[in-house]
Amino acid sequence: MSEPKRDLVQSPEQAAETGTLAARISLSQRAGGIVVPLATVVLAFLVGGLVVLATGHNPLNAYHDIFNGPEVNFAPDKHQGANSSFLAVVKGGRWTRLTDPLRF
């Protein structure tokens, strides 16, 4: 077997300068590949909103109901996320709180 020539091996940054698709993909993967996950989340929210709209409800109200829960925070010394919760049921197609936030 022959050894690969070291002068032909390029770093992803050098390869990206050539402008080929493979080089750009390589660079974006090394950069963390954040574009595809973010695009997936945006697409999921759009499709979810269309499904809610198709059922005759307002998607903005639905997303407000989802995100209007208890406050969640994470920090290096706080791994639990939340210090409270609440009980809720669905009435008339909407989440309705049964209790005030229950601290724990």
PDB file of N, CA and C in Angstrom:
ATOM      1  N   MET A   1       0.830  -1.181   0.000  1.00  0.00           N
ATOM      2  CA  MET A   1       0.000   0.000   0.000  1.00  0.00           C
ATOM      3  C   MET A   1       0.876   1.246   0.000  1.00  0.00           C
ATOM      4  N   SER A   2       0.445   2.221  -0.696  1.00  0.00           N
ATOM      5  CA  SER A   2       1.225   3.451  -0.757  1.00  0.00           C
ATOM      6  C   SER A   2       0.649   4.470   0.221  1.00  0.00           C
ATOM      7  N   GLU A   3       1.497   5.269   0.747  1.00  0.00           N
ATOM      8  CA  GLU A   3       1.102   6.324   1.675  1.00  0.00           C
ATOM      9  C   GLU A   3       0.465   7.473   0.895  1.00  0.00           C
ATOM     10  N   PRO A   4      -0.587   8.101   1.439  1.00  0.00           N
ATOM     11  CA  PRO A   4      -1.152   9.266   0.749  1.00  0.00           C
ATOM     12  C   PRO A   4      -0.160  10.417   0.772  1.00  0.00           C
ATOM     13  N   LYS A   5      -0.171  11.165  -0.261  1.00  0.00           N
ATOM     14  CA  LYS A   5       0.742  12.308  -0.343  1.00  0.00           C
ATOM     15  C   LYS A   5       0.227  13.410   0.577  1.00  0.00           C
ATOM     16  N   ARG A   6       1.057  13.834   1.476  1.00  0.00           N
ATOM     17  CA  ARG A   6       0.663  14.820   2.477  1.00  0.00           C
ATOM     18  C   ARG A   6       0.355  16.185   1.855  1.00  0.00           C
ATOM     19  N   ASP A   7       0.978  16.517   0.758  1.00  0.00           N
ATOM     20  CA  ASP A   7       0.750  17.828   0.162  1.00  0.00           C
ATOM     21  C   ASP A   7      -0.589  17.905  -0.571  1.00  0.00           C
ATOM     22  N   LEU A   8      -1.263  16.764  -0.819  1.00  0.00           N
ATOM     23  CA  LEU A   8      -2.568  16.762  -1.480  1.00  0.00           C
ATOM     24  C   LEU A   8      -3.713  16.801  -0.487  1.00  0.00           C
ATOM     25  N   VAL A   9      -3.451  16.506   0.780  1.00  0.00           N
ATOM     26  CA  VAL A   9      -4.494  16.503   1.794  1.00  0.00           C
ATOM     27  C   VAL A   9      -4.758  17.938   2.216  1.00  0.00           C
ATOM     28  N   GLN A  10      -6.041  18.333   2.143  1.00  0.00           N
ATOM     29  CA  GLN A  10      -6.419  19.701   2.486  1.00  0.00           C
ATOM     30  C   GLN A  10      -7.234  19.708   3.764  1.00  0.00           C
ATOM     31  N   SER A  11      -7.156  20.805   4.487  1.00  0.00           N
ATOM     32  CA  SER A  11      -8.044  20.995   5.629  1.00  0.00           C
ATOM     33  C   SER A  11      -9.418  21.373   5.089  1.00  0.00           C
ATOM     34  N   PRO A  12     -10.483  21.220   5.894  1.00  0.00           N
ATOM     35  CA  PRO A  12     -11.814  21.620   5.420  1.00  0.00           C
ATOM     36  C   PRO A  12     -11.884  23.093   5.017  1.00  0.00           C
ATOM     37  N   GLU A  13     -11.134  23.943   5.726  1.00  0.00           N
ATOM     38  CA  GLU A  13     -11.144  25.371   5.368  1.00  0.00           C
ATOM     39  C   GLU A  13     -10.531  25.595   3.992  1.00  0.00           C
ATOM     40  N   GLN A  14      -9.412  24.893   3.721  1.00  0.00           N
ATOM     41  CA  GLN A  14      -8.789  25.023   2.408  1.00  0.00           C
ATOM     42  C   GLN A  14      -9.692  24.454   1.316  1.00  0.00           C
ATOM     43  N   ALA A  15     -10.348  23.323   1.608  1.00  0.00           N
ATOM     44  CA  ALA A  15     -11.239  22.714   0.622  1.00  0.00           C
ATOM     45  C   ALA A  15     -12.447  23.596   0.351  1.00  0.00           C
ATOM     46  N   ALA A  16     -12.950  24.304   1.382  1.00  0.00           N
ATOM     47  CA  ALA A  16     -14.117  25.164   1.196  1.00  0.00           C
ATOM     48  C   ALA A  16     -13.826  26.310   0.250  1.00  0.00           C
ATOM     49  N   GLU A  17     -12.560  26.727   0.200  1.00  0.00           N
ATOM     50  CA  GLU A  17     -12.192  27.812  -0.704  1.00  0.00           C
ATOM     51  C   GLU A  17     -12.334  27.405  -2.170  1.00  0.00           C
ATOM     52  N   THR A  18     -12.327  26.090  -2.433  1.00  0.00           N
ATOM     53  CA  THR A  18     -12.502  25.636  -3.815  1.00  0.00           C
ATOM     54  C   THR A  18     -13.934  25.801  -4.278  1.00  0.00           C
ATOM     55  N   GLY A  19     -14.891  25.870  -3.323  1.00  0.00           N
ATOM     56  CA  GLY A  19     -16.280  26.133  -3.668  1.00  0.00           C
ATOM     57  C   GLY A  19     -17.091  24.907  -4.045  1.00  0.00           C
ATOM     58  N   THR A  20     -16.573  23.701  -3.873  1.00  0.00           N
ATOM     59  CA  THR A  20     -17.352  22.513  -4.225  1.00  0.00           C
ATOM     60  C   THR A  20     -18.397  22.241  -3.153  1.00  0.00           C
ATOM     61  N   LEU A  21     -19.449  21.534  -3.516  1.00  0.00           N
ATOM     62  CA  LEU A  21     -20.520  21.207  -2.583  1.00  0.00           C
ATOM     63  C   LEU A  21     -19.994  20.377  -1.426  1.00  0.00           C
ATOM     64  N   ALA A  22     -19.186  19.380  -1.721  1.00  0.00           N
ATOM     65  CA  ALA A  22     -18.639  18.529  -0.664  1.00  0.00           C
ATOM     66  C   ALA A  22     -17.799  19.346   0.317  1.00  0.00           C
ATOM     67  N   ALA A  23     -17.052  20.308  -0.197  1.00  0.00           N
ATOM     68  CA  ALA A  23     -16.228  21.142   0.670  1.00  0.00           C
ATOM     69  C   ALA A  23     -17.083  22.024   1.564  1.00  0.00           C
ATOM     70  N   ARG A  24     -18.157  22.588   1.017  1.00  0.00           N
ATOM     71  CA  ARG A  24     -19.042  23.430   1.834  1.00  0.00           C
ATOM     72  C   ARG A  24     -19.740  22.617   2.899  1.00  0.00           C
ATOM     73  N   ILE A  25     -20.189  21.401   2.564  1.00  0.00           N
ATOM     74  CA  ILE A  25     -20.845  20.538   3.545  1.00  0.00           C
ATOM     75  C   ILE A  25     -19.865  20.161   4.645  1.00  0.00           C
ATOM     76  N   SER A  26     -18.650  19.850   4.258  1.00  0.00           N
ATOM     77  CA  SER A  26     -17.624  19.497   5.240  1.00  0.00           C
ATOM     78  C   SER A  26     -17.392  20.647   6.208  1.00  0.00           C
ATOM     79  N   LEU A  27     -17.295  21.847   5.698  1.00  0.00           N
ATOM     80  CA  LEU A  27     -17.063  23.004   6.562  1.00  0.00           C
ATOM     81  C   LEU A  27     -18.259  23.245   7.478  1.00  0.00           C
ATOM     82  N   SER A  28     -19.483  23.118   6.948  1.00  0.00           N
ATOM     83  CA  SER A  28     -20.657  23.357   7.790  1.00  0.00           C
ATOM     84  C   SER A  28     -20.785  22.293   8.877  1.00  0.00           C
ATOM     85  N   GLN A  29     -20.390  21.064   8.592  1.00  0.00           N
ATOM     86  CA  GLN A  29     -20.428  20.030   9.618  1.00  0.00           C
ATOM     87  C   GLN A  29     -19.395  20.307  10.700  1.00  0.00           C
ATOM     88  N   ARG A  30     -18.241  20.787  10.314  1.00  0.00           N
ATOM     89  CA  ARG A  30     -17.231  21.122  11.313  1.00  0.00           C
ATOM     90  C   ARG A  30     -17.633  22.338  12.121  1.00  0.00           C
ATOM     91  N   ALA A  31     -18.438  23.211  11.551  1.00  0.00           N
ATOM     92  CA  ALA A  31     -18.880  24.407  12.253  1.00  0.00           C
ATOM     93  C   ALA A  31     -19.993  24.108  13.231  1.00  0.00           C
ATOM     94  N   GLY A  32     -20.428  22.887  13.313  1.00  0.00           N
ATOM     95  CA  GLY A  32     -21.450  22.524  14.283  1.00  0.00           C
ATOM     96  C   GLY A  32     -22.738  22.074  13.631  1.00  0.00           C
ATOM     97  N   GLY A  33     -22.933  22.359  12.381  1.00  0.00           N
ATOM     98  CA  GLY A  33     -24.131  21.912  11.688  1.00  0.00           C
ATOM     99  C   GLY A  33     -25.411  22.405  12.334  1.00  0.00           C
ATOM    100  N   ILE A  34     -25.472  23.655  12.717  1.00  0.00           N
ATOM    101  CA  ILE A  34     -26.635  24.200  13.409  1.00  0.00           C
ATOM    102  C   ILE A  34     -27.770  24.552  12.456  1.00  0.00           C
ATOM    103  N   VAL A  35     -27.480  24.732  11.189  1.00  0.00           N
ATOM    104  CA  VAL A  35     -28.496  25.186  10.234  1.00  0.00           C
ATOM    105  C   VAL A  35     -29.596  24.149  10.064  1.00  0.00           C
ATOM    106  N   VAL A  36     -29.237  22.890   9.886  1.00  0.00           N
ATOM    107  CA  VAL A  36     -30.245  21.851   9.655  1.00  0.00           C
ATOM    108  C   VAL A  36     -31.149  21.662  10.873  1.00  0.00           C
ATOM    109  N   PRO A  37     -30.624  21.566  12.097  1.00  0.00           N
ATOM    110  CA  PRO A  37     -31.529  21.442  13.242  1.00  0.00           C
ATOM    111  C   PRO A  37     -32.461  22.641  13.406  1.00  0.00           C
ATOM    112  N   LEU A  38     -31.948  23.856  13.202  1.00  0.00           N
ATOM    113  CA  LEU A  38     -32.814  25.036  13.314  1.00  0.00           C
ATOM    114  C   LEU A  38     -33.889  25.041  12.233  1.00  0.00           C
ATOM    115  N   ALA A  39     -33.517  24.693  11.006  1.00  0.00           N
ATOM    116  CA  ALA A  39     -34.503  24.628   9.922  1.00  0.00           C
ATOM    117  C   ALA A  39     -35.553  23.563  10.215  1.00  0.00           C
ATOM    118  N   THR A  40     -35.143  22.462  10.823  1.00  0.00           N
ATOM    119  CA  THR A  40     -36.083  21.404  11.171  1.00  0.00           C
ATOM    120  C   THR A  40     -37.086  21.883  12.220  1.00  0.00           C
ATOM    121  N   VAL A  41     -36.609  22.614  13.221  1.00  0.00           N
ATOM    122  CA  VAL A  41     -37.506  23.139  14.255  1.00  0.00           C
ATOM    123  C   VAL A  41     -38.497  24.127  13.659  1.00  0.00           C
ATOM    124  N   VAL A  42     -38.011  25.024  12.810  1.00  0.00           N
ATOM    125  CA  VAL A  42     -38.903  26.002  12.176  1.00  0.00           C
ATOM    126  C   VAL A  42     -39.949  25.299  11.317  1.00  0.00           C
ATOM    127  N   LEU A  43     -39.514  24.308  10.538  1.00  0.00           N
ATOM    128  CA  LEU A  43     -40.453  23.559   9.705  1.00  0.00           C
ATOM    129  C   LEU A  43     -41.479  22.814  10.560  1.00  0.00           C
ATOM    130  N   ALA A  44     -41.046  22.247  11.684  1.00  0.00           N
ATOM    131  CA  ALA A  44     -41.975  21.539  12.571  1.00  0.00           C
ATOM    132  C   ALA A  44     -43.032  22.482  13.133  1.00  0.00           C
ATOM    133  N   PHE A  45     -42.619  23.695  13.537  1.00  0.00           N
ATOM    134  CA  PHE A  45     -43.601  24.654  14.044  1.00  0.00           C
ATOM    135  C   PHE A  45     -44.565  25.102  12.944  1.00  0.00           C
ATOM    136  N   LEU A  46     -44.067  25.277  11.735  1.00  0.00           N
ATOM    137  CA  LEU A  46     -44.958  25.662  10.632  1.00  0.00           C
ATOM    138  C   LEU A  46     -45.960  24.562  10.311  1.00  0.00           C
ATOM    139  N   VAL A  47     -45.503  23.328  10.232  1.00  0.00           N
ATOM    140  CA  VAL A  47     -46.405  22.205   9.942  1.00  0.00           C
ATOM    141  C   VAL A  47     -47.408  22.035  11.079  1.00  0.00           C
ATOM    142  N   GLY A  48     -46.922  22.149  12.324  1.00  0.00           N
ATOM    143  CA  GLY A  48     -47.841  22.062  13.469  1.00  0.00           C
ATOM    144  C   GLY A  48     -48.893  23.156  13.425  1.00  0.00           C
ATOM    145  N   GLY A  49     -48.473  24.367  13.064  1.00  0.00           N
ATOM    146  CA  GLY A  49     -49.435  25.466  12.945  1.00  0.00           C
ATOM    147  C   GLY A  49     -50.456  25.212  11.857  1.00  0.00           C
ATOM    148  N   LEU A  50     -50.029  24.618  10.738  1.00  0.00           N
ATOM    149  CA  LEU A  50     -50.980  24.287   9.668  1.00  0.00           C
ATOM    150  C   LEU A  50     -51.977  23.228  10.119  1.00  0.00           C
ATOM    151  N   VAL A  51     -51.514  22.262  10.903  1.00  0.00           N
ATOM    152  CA  VAL A  51     -52.426  21.221  11.413  1.00  0.00           C
ATOM    153  C   VAL A  51     -53.446  21.848  12.359  1.00  0.00           C
ATOM    154  N   VAL A  52     -52.989  22.716  13.252  1.00  0.00           N
ATOM    155  CA  VAL A  52     -53.913  23.387  14.175  1.00  0.00           C
ATOM    156  C   VAL A  52     -54.894  24.253  13.391  1.00  0.00           C
ATOM    157  N   LEU A  53     -54.404  24.960  12.377  1.00  0.00           N
ATOM    158  CA  LEU A  53     -55.268  25.794  11.545  1.00  0.00           C
ATOM    159  C   LEU A  53     -56.289  24.952  10.791  1.00  0.00           C
ATOM    160  N   ALA A  54     -55.883  23.778  10.312  1.00  0.00           N
ATOM    161  CA  ALA A  54     -56.800  22.892   9.585  1.00  0.00           C
ATOM    162  C   ALA A  54     -57.919  22.374  10.480  1.00  0.00           C
ATOM    163  N   THR A  55     -57.680  22.318  11.789  1.00  0.00           N
ATOM    164  CA  THR A  55     -58.730  21.865  12.708  1.00  0.00           C
ATOM    165  C   THR A  55     -59.649  23.002  13.127  1.00  0.00           C
ATOM    166  N   GLY A  56     -59.398  24.203  12.608  1.00  0.00           N
ATOM    167  CA  GLY A  56     -60.280  25.331  12.879  1.00  0.00           C
ATOM    168  C   GLY A  56     -59.888  26.155  14.086  1.00  0.00           C
ATOM    169  N   HIS A  57     -58.697  25.970  14.600  1.00  0.00           N
ATOM    170  CA  HIS A  57     -58.237  26.729  15.762  1.00  0.00           C
ATOM    171  C   HIS A  57     -57.140  27.703  15.363  1.00  0.00           C
ATOM    172  N   ASN A  58     -56.869  28.647  16.246  1.00  0.00           N
ATOM    173  CA  ASN A  58     -55.848  29.652  15.996  1.00  0.00           C
ATOM    174  C   ASN A  58     -54.489  29.099  16.433  1.00  0.00           C
ATOM    175  N   PRO A  59     -53.528  28.953  15.511  1.00  0.00           N
ATOM    176  CA  PRO A  59     -52.218  28.418  15.889  1.00  0.00           C
ATOM    177  C   PRO A  59     -51.476  29.273  16.918  1.00  0.00           C
ATOM    178  N   LEU A  60     -51.660  30.590  16.866  1.00  0.00           N
ATOM    179  CA  LEU A  60     -50.974  31.448  17.837  1.00  0.00           C
ATOM    180  C   LEU A  60     -51.471  31.178  19.252  1.00  0.00           C
ATOM    181  N   ASN A  61     -52.764  30.964  19.402  1.00  0.00           N
ATOM    182  CA  ASN A  61     -53.294  30.625  20.728  1.00  0.00           C
ATOM    183  C   ASN A  61     -52.782  29.262  21.183  1.00  0.00           C
ATOM    184  N   ALA A  62     -52.677  28.329  20.262  1.00  0.00           N
ATOM    185  CA  ALA A  62     -52.191  26.993  20.618  1.00  0.00           C
ATOM    186  C   ALA A  62     -50.750  27.062  21.098  1.00  0.00           C
ATOM    187  N   TYR A  63     -49.907  27.802  20.394  1.00  0.00           N
ATOM    188  CA  TYR A  63     -48.517  27.913  20.819  1.00  0.00           C
ATOM    189  C   TYR A  63     -48.397  28.704  22.112  1.00  0.00           C
ATOM    190  N   HIS A  64     -49.269  29.671  22.322  1.00  0.00           N
ATOM    191  CA  HIS A  64     -49.268  30.403  23.594  1.00  0.00           C
ATOM    192  C   HIS A  64     -49.606  29.452  24.730  1.00  0.00           C
ATOM    193  N   ASP A  65     -50.560  28.549  24.521  1.00  0.00           N
ATOM    194  CA  ASP A  65     -50.917  27.582  25.555  1.00  0.00           C
ATOM    195  C   ASP A  65     -49.748  26.655  25.877  1.00  0.00           C
ATOM    196  N   ILE A  66     -49.012  26.254  24.844  1.00  0.00           N
ATOM    197  CA  ILE A  66     -47.885  25.345  25.054  1.00  0.00           C
ATOM    198  C   ILE A  66     -46.800  26.022  25.877  1.00  0.00           C
ATOM    199  N   PHE A  67     -46.455  27.249  25.541  1.00  0.00           N
ATOM    200  CA  PHE A  67     -45.310  27.905  26.150  1.00  0.00           C
ATOM    201  C   PHE A  67     -45.654  28.719  27.387  1.00  0.00           C
ATOM    202  N   ASN A  68     -46.912  28.742  27.797  1.00  0.00           N
ATOM    203  CA  ASN A  68     -47.312  29.513  28.966  1.00  0.00           C
ATOM    204  C   ASN A  68     -47.273  28.644  30.221  1.00  0.00           C
ATOM    205  N   GLY A  69     -46.316  27.778  30.304  1.00  0.00           N
ATOM    206  CA  GLY A  69     -46.175  26.896  31.458  1.00  0.00           C
ATOM    207  C   GLY A  69     -45.294  27.515  32.520  1.00  0.00           C
ATOM    208  N   PRO A  70     -44.882  26.716  33.474  1.00  0.00           N
ATOM    209  CA  PRO A  70     -44.012  27.240  34.520  1.00  0.00           C
ATOM    210  C   PRO A  70     -42.643  27.633  33.967  1.00  0.00           C
ATOM    211  N   GLU A  71     -42.003  28.559  34.648  1.00  0.00           N
ATOM    212  CA  GLU A  71     -40.691  29.028  34.218  1.00  0.00           C
ATOM    213  C   GLU A  71     -39.664  27.909  34.361  1.00  0.00           C
ATOM    214  N   VAL A  72     -38.832  27.747  33.345  1.00  0.00           N
ATOM    215  CA  VAL A  72     -37.795  26.719  33.349  1.00  0.00           C
ATOM    216  C   VAL A  72     -36.453  27.391  33.134  1.00  0.00           C
ATOM    217  N   ASN A  73     -35.518  27.132  34.045  1.00  0.00           N
ATOM    218  CA  ASN A  73     -34.166  27.699  33.946  1.00  0.00           C
ATOM    219  C   ASN A  73     -33.148  26.607  34.231  1.00  0.00           C
ATOM    220  N   PHE A  74     -32.078  26.614  33.484  1.00  0.00           N
ATOM    221  CA  PHE A  74     -30.959  25.705  33.721  1.00  0.00           C
ATOM    222  C   PHE A  74     -29.705  26.542  33.896  1.00  0.00           C
ATOM    223  N   ALA A  75     -28.837  26.092  34.782  1.00  0.00           N
ATOM    224  CA  ALA A  75     -27.572  26.757  35.025  1.00  0.00           C
ATOM    225  C   ALA A  75     -26.555  25.695  35.418  1.00  0.00           C
ATOM    226  N   PRO A  76     -25.264  26.051  35.471  1.00  0.00           N
ATOM    227  CA  PRO A  76     -24.264  25.047  35.845  1.00  0.00           C
ATOM    228  C   PRO A  76     -24.538  24.386  37.193  1.00  0.00           C
ATOM    229  N   ASP A  77     -25.152  25.132  38.129  1.00  0.00           N
ATOM    230  CA  ASP A  77     -25.447  24.553  39.442  1.00  0.00           C
ATOM    231  C   ASP A  77     -26.937  24.270  39.638  1.00  0.00           C
ATOM    232  N   LYS A  78     -27.752  24.443  38.607  1.00  0.00           N
ATOM    233  CA  LYS A  78     -29.195  24.191  38.700  1.00  0.00           C
ATOM    234  C   LYS A  78     -29.594  23.258  37.556  1.00  0.00           C
ATOM    235  N   HIS A  79     -29.761  21.990  37.870  1.00  0.00           N
ATOM    236  CA  HIS A  79     -30.029  20.983  36.846  1.00  0.00           C
ATOM    237  C   HIS A  79     -31.494  20.553  36.809  1.00  0.00           C
ATOM    238  N   GLN A  80     -32.270  20.953  37.795  1.00  0.00           N
ATOM    239  CA  GLN A  80     -33.666  20.526  37.888  1.00  0.00           C
ATOM    240  C   GLN A  80     -34.541  21.198  36.837  1.00  0.00           C
ATOM    241  N   GLY A  81     -34.283  22.451  36.542  1.00  0.00           N
ATOM    242  CA  GLY A  81     -35.044  23.149  35.521  1.00  0.00           C
ATOM    243  C   GLY A  81     -36.166  23.992  36.072  1.00  0.00           C
ATOM    244  N   ALA A  82     -37.086  23.378  36.806  1.00  0.00           N
ATOM    245  CA  ALA A  82     -38.242  24.112  37.317  1.00  0.00           C
ATOM    246  C   ALA A  82     -38.412  23.825  38.806  1.00  0.00           C
ATOM    247  N   ASN A  83     -38.970  24.798  39.525  1.00  0.00           N
ATOM    248  CA  ASN A  83     -39.264  24.639  40.944  1.00  0.00           C
ATOM    249  C   ASN A  83     -40.760  24.600  41.205  1.00  0.00           C
ATOM    250  N   SER A  84     -41.553  24.550  40.132  1.00  0.00           N
ATOM    251  CA  SER A  84     -42.999  24.511  40.306  1.00  0.00           C
ATOM    252  C   SER A  84     -43.634  23.791  39.131  1.00  0.00           C
ATOM    253  N   SER A  85     -44.873  23.426  39.337  1.00  0.00           N
ATOM    254  CA  SER A  85     -45.668  22.794  38.288  1.00  0.00           C
ATOM    255  C   SER A  85     -47.121  23.134  38.560  1.00  0.00           C
ATOM    256  N   PHE A  86     -48.014  22.744  37.677  1.00  0.00           N
ATOM    257  CA  PHE A  86     -49.430  22.976  37.916  1.00  0.00           C
ATOM    258  C   PHE A  86     -50.229  21.856  37.277  1.00  0.00           C
ATOM    259  N   LEU A  87     -51.439  21.684  37.726  1.00  0.00           N
ATOM    260  CA  LEU A  87     -52.334  20.689  37.156  1.00  0.00           C
ATOM    261  C   LEU A  87     -53.230  21.361  36.128  1.00  0.00           C
ATOM    262  N   ALA A  88     -53.463  20.683  35.005  1.00  0.00           N
ATOM    263  CA  ALA A  88     -54.285  21.256  33.945  1.00  0.00           C
ATOM    264  C   ALA A  88     -55.086  20.161  33.263  1.00  0.00           C
ATOM    265  N   VAL A  89     -56.227  20.547  32.694  1.00  0.00           N
ATOM    266  CA  VAL A  89     -57.061  19.640  31.914  1.00  0.00           C
ATOM    267  C   VAL A  89     -57.456  20.349  30.622  1.00  0.00           C
ATOM    268  N   VAL A  90     -57.925  19.581  29.670  1.00  0.00           N
ATOM    269  CA  VAL A  90     -58.404  20.158  28.421  1.00  0.00           C
ATOM    270  C   VAL A  90     -59.905  20.368  28.548  1.00  0.00           C
ATOM    271  N   LYS A  91     -60.358  21.619  28.370  1.00  0.00           N
ATOM    272  CA  LYS A  91     -61.785  21.955  28.382  1.00  0.00           C
ATOM    273  C   LYS A  91     -62.078  22.766  27.135  1.00  0.00           C
ATOM    274  N   GLY A  92     -62.983  22.293  26.337  1.00  0.00           N
ATOM    275  CA  GLY A  92     -63.350  23.010  25.120  1.00  0.00           C
ATOM    276  C   GLY A  92     -62.203  23.128  24.131  1.00  0.00           C
ATOM    277  N   GLY A  93     -61.318  22.139  24.110  1.00  0.00           N
ATOM    278  CA  GLY A  93     -60.214  22.141  23.170  1.00  0.00           C
ATOM    279  C   GLY A  93     -59.025  22.990  23.587  1.00  0.00           C
ATOM    280  N   ARG A  94     -59.023  23.492  24.833  1.00  0.00           N
ATOM    281  CA  ARG A  94     -57.918  24.323  25.317  1.00  0.00           C
ATOM    282  C   ARG A  94     -57.471  23.823  26.681  1.00  0.00           C
ATOM    283  N   TRP A  95     -56.188  23.986  26.962  1.00  0.00           N
ATOM    284  CA  TRP A  95     -55.670  23.637  28.279  1.00  0.00           C
ATOM    285  C   TRP A  95     -56.142  24.672  29.288  1.00  0.00           C
ATOM    286  N   THR A  96     -56.673  24.207  30.416  1.00  0.00           N
ATOM    287  CA  THR A  96     -57.147  25.075  31.482  1.00  0.00           C
ATOM    288  C   THR A  96     -56.461  24.659  32.782  1.00  0.00           C
ATOM    289  N   ARG A  97     -55.865  25.617  33.475  1.00  0.00           N
ATOM    290  CA  ARG A  97     -55.206  25.321  34.740  1.00  0.00           C
ATOM    291  C   ARG A  97     -56.232  25.008  35.823  1.00  0.00           C
ATOM    292  N   LEU A  98     -55.941  23.973  36.601  1.00  0.00           N
ATOM    293  CA  LEU A  98     -56.777  23.640  37.744  1.00  0.00           C
ATOM    294  C   LEU A  98     -56.217  24.238  39.037  1.00  0.00           C
ATOM    295  N   THR A  99     -54.922  24.453  39.077  1.00  0.00           N
ATOM    296  CA  THR A  99     -54.269  24.945  40.284  1.00  0.00           C
ATOM    297  C   THR A  99     -53.323  26.085  39.933  1.00  0.00           C
ATOM    298  N   ASP A 100     -52.984  26.842  40.964  1.00  0.00           N
ATOM    299  CA  ASP A 100     -51.883  27.796  40.828  1.00  0.00           C
ATOM    300  C   ASP A 100     -50.595  27.003  40.815  1.00  0.00           C
ATOM    301  N   PRO A 101     -49.485  27.632  40.450  1.00  0.00           N
ATOM    302  CA  PRO A 101     -48.222  26.865  40.460  1.00  0.00           C
ATOM    303  C   PRO A 101     -47.965  26.234  41.826  1.00  0.00           C
ATOM    304  N   LEU A 102     -47.633  24.951  41.799  1.00  0.00           N
ATOM    305  CA  LEU A 102     -47.331  24.197  43.011  1.00  0.00           C
ATOM    306  C   LEU A 102     -45.810  24.184  43.174  1.00  0.00           C
ATOM    307  N   ARG A 103     -45.321  24.803  44.224  1.00  0.00           N
ATOM    308  CA  ARG A 103     -43.870  24.885  44.462  1.00  0.00           C
ATOM    309  C   ARG A 103     -43.367  23.605  45.081  1.00  0.00           C
ATOM    310  N   PHE A 104     -42.175  23.204  44.715  1.00  0.00           N
ATOM    311  CA  PHE A 104     -41.535  22.037  45.330  1.00  0.00           C
ATOM    312  C   PHE A 104     -40.060  22.270  45.482  1.00  0.00           C
TER     313      PHE A 104
END
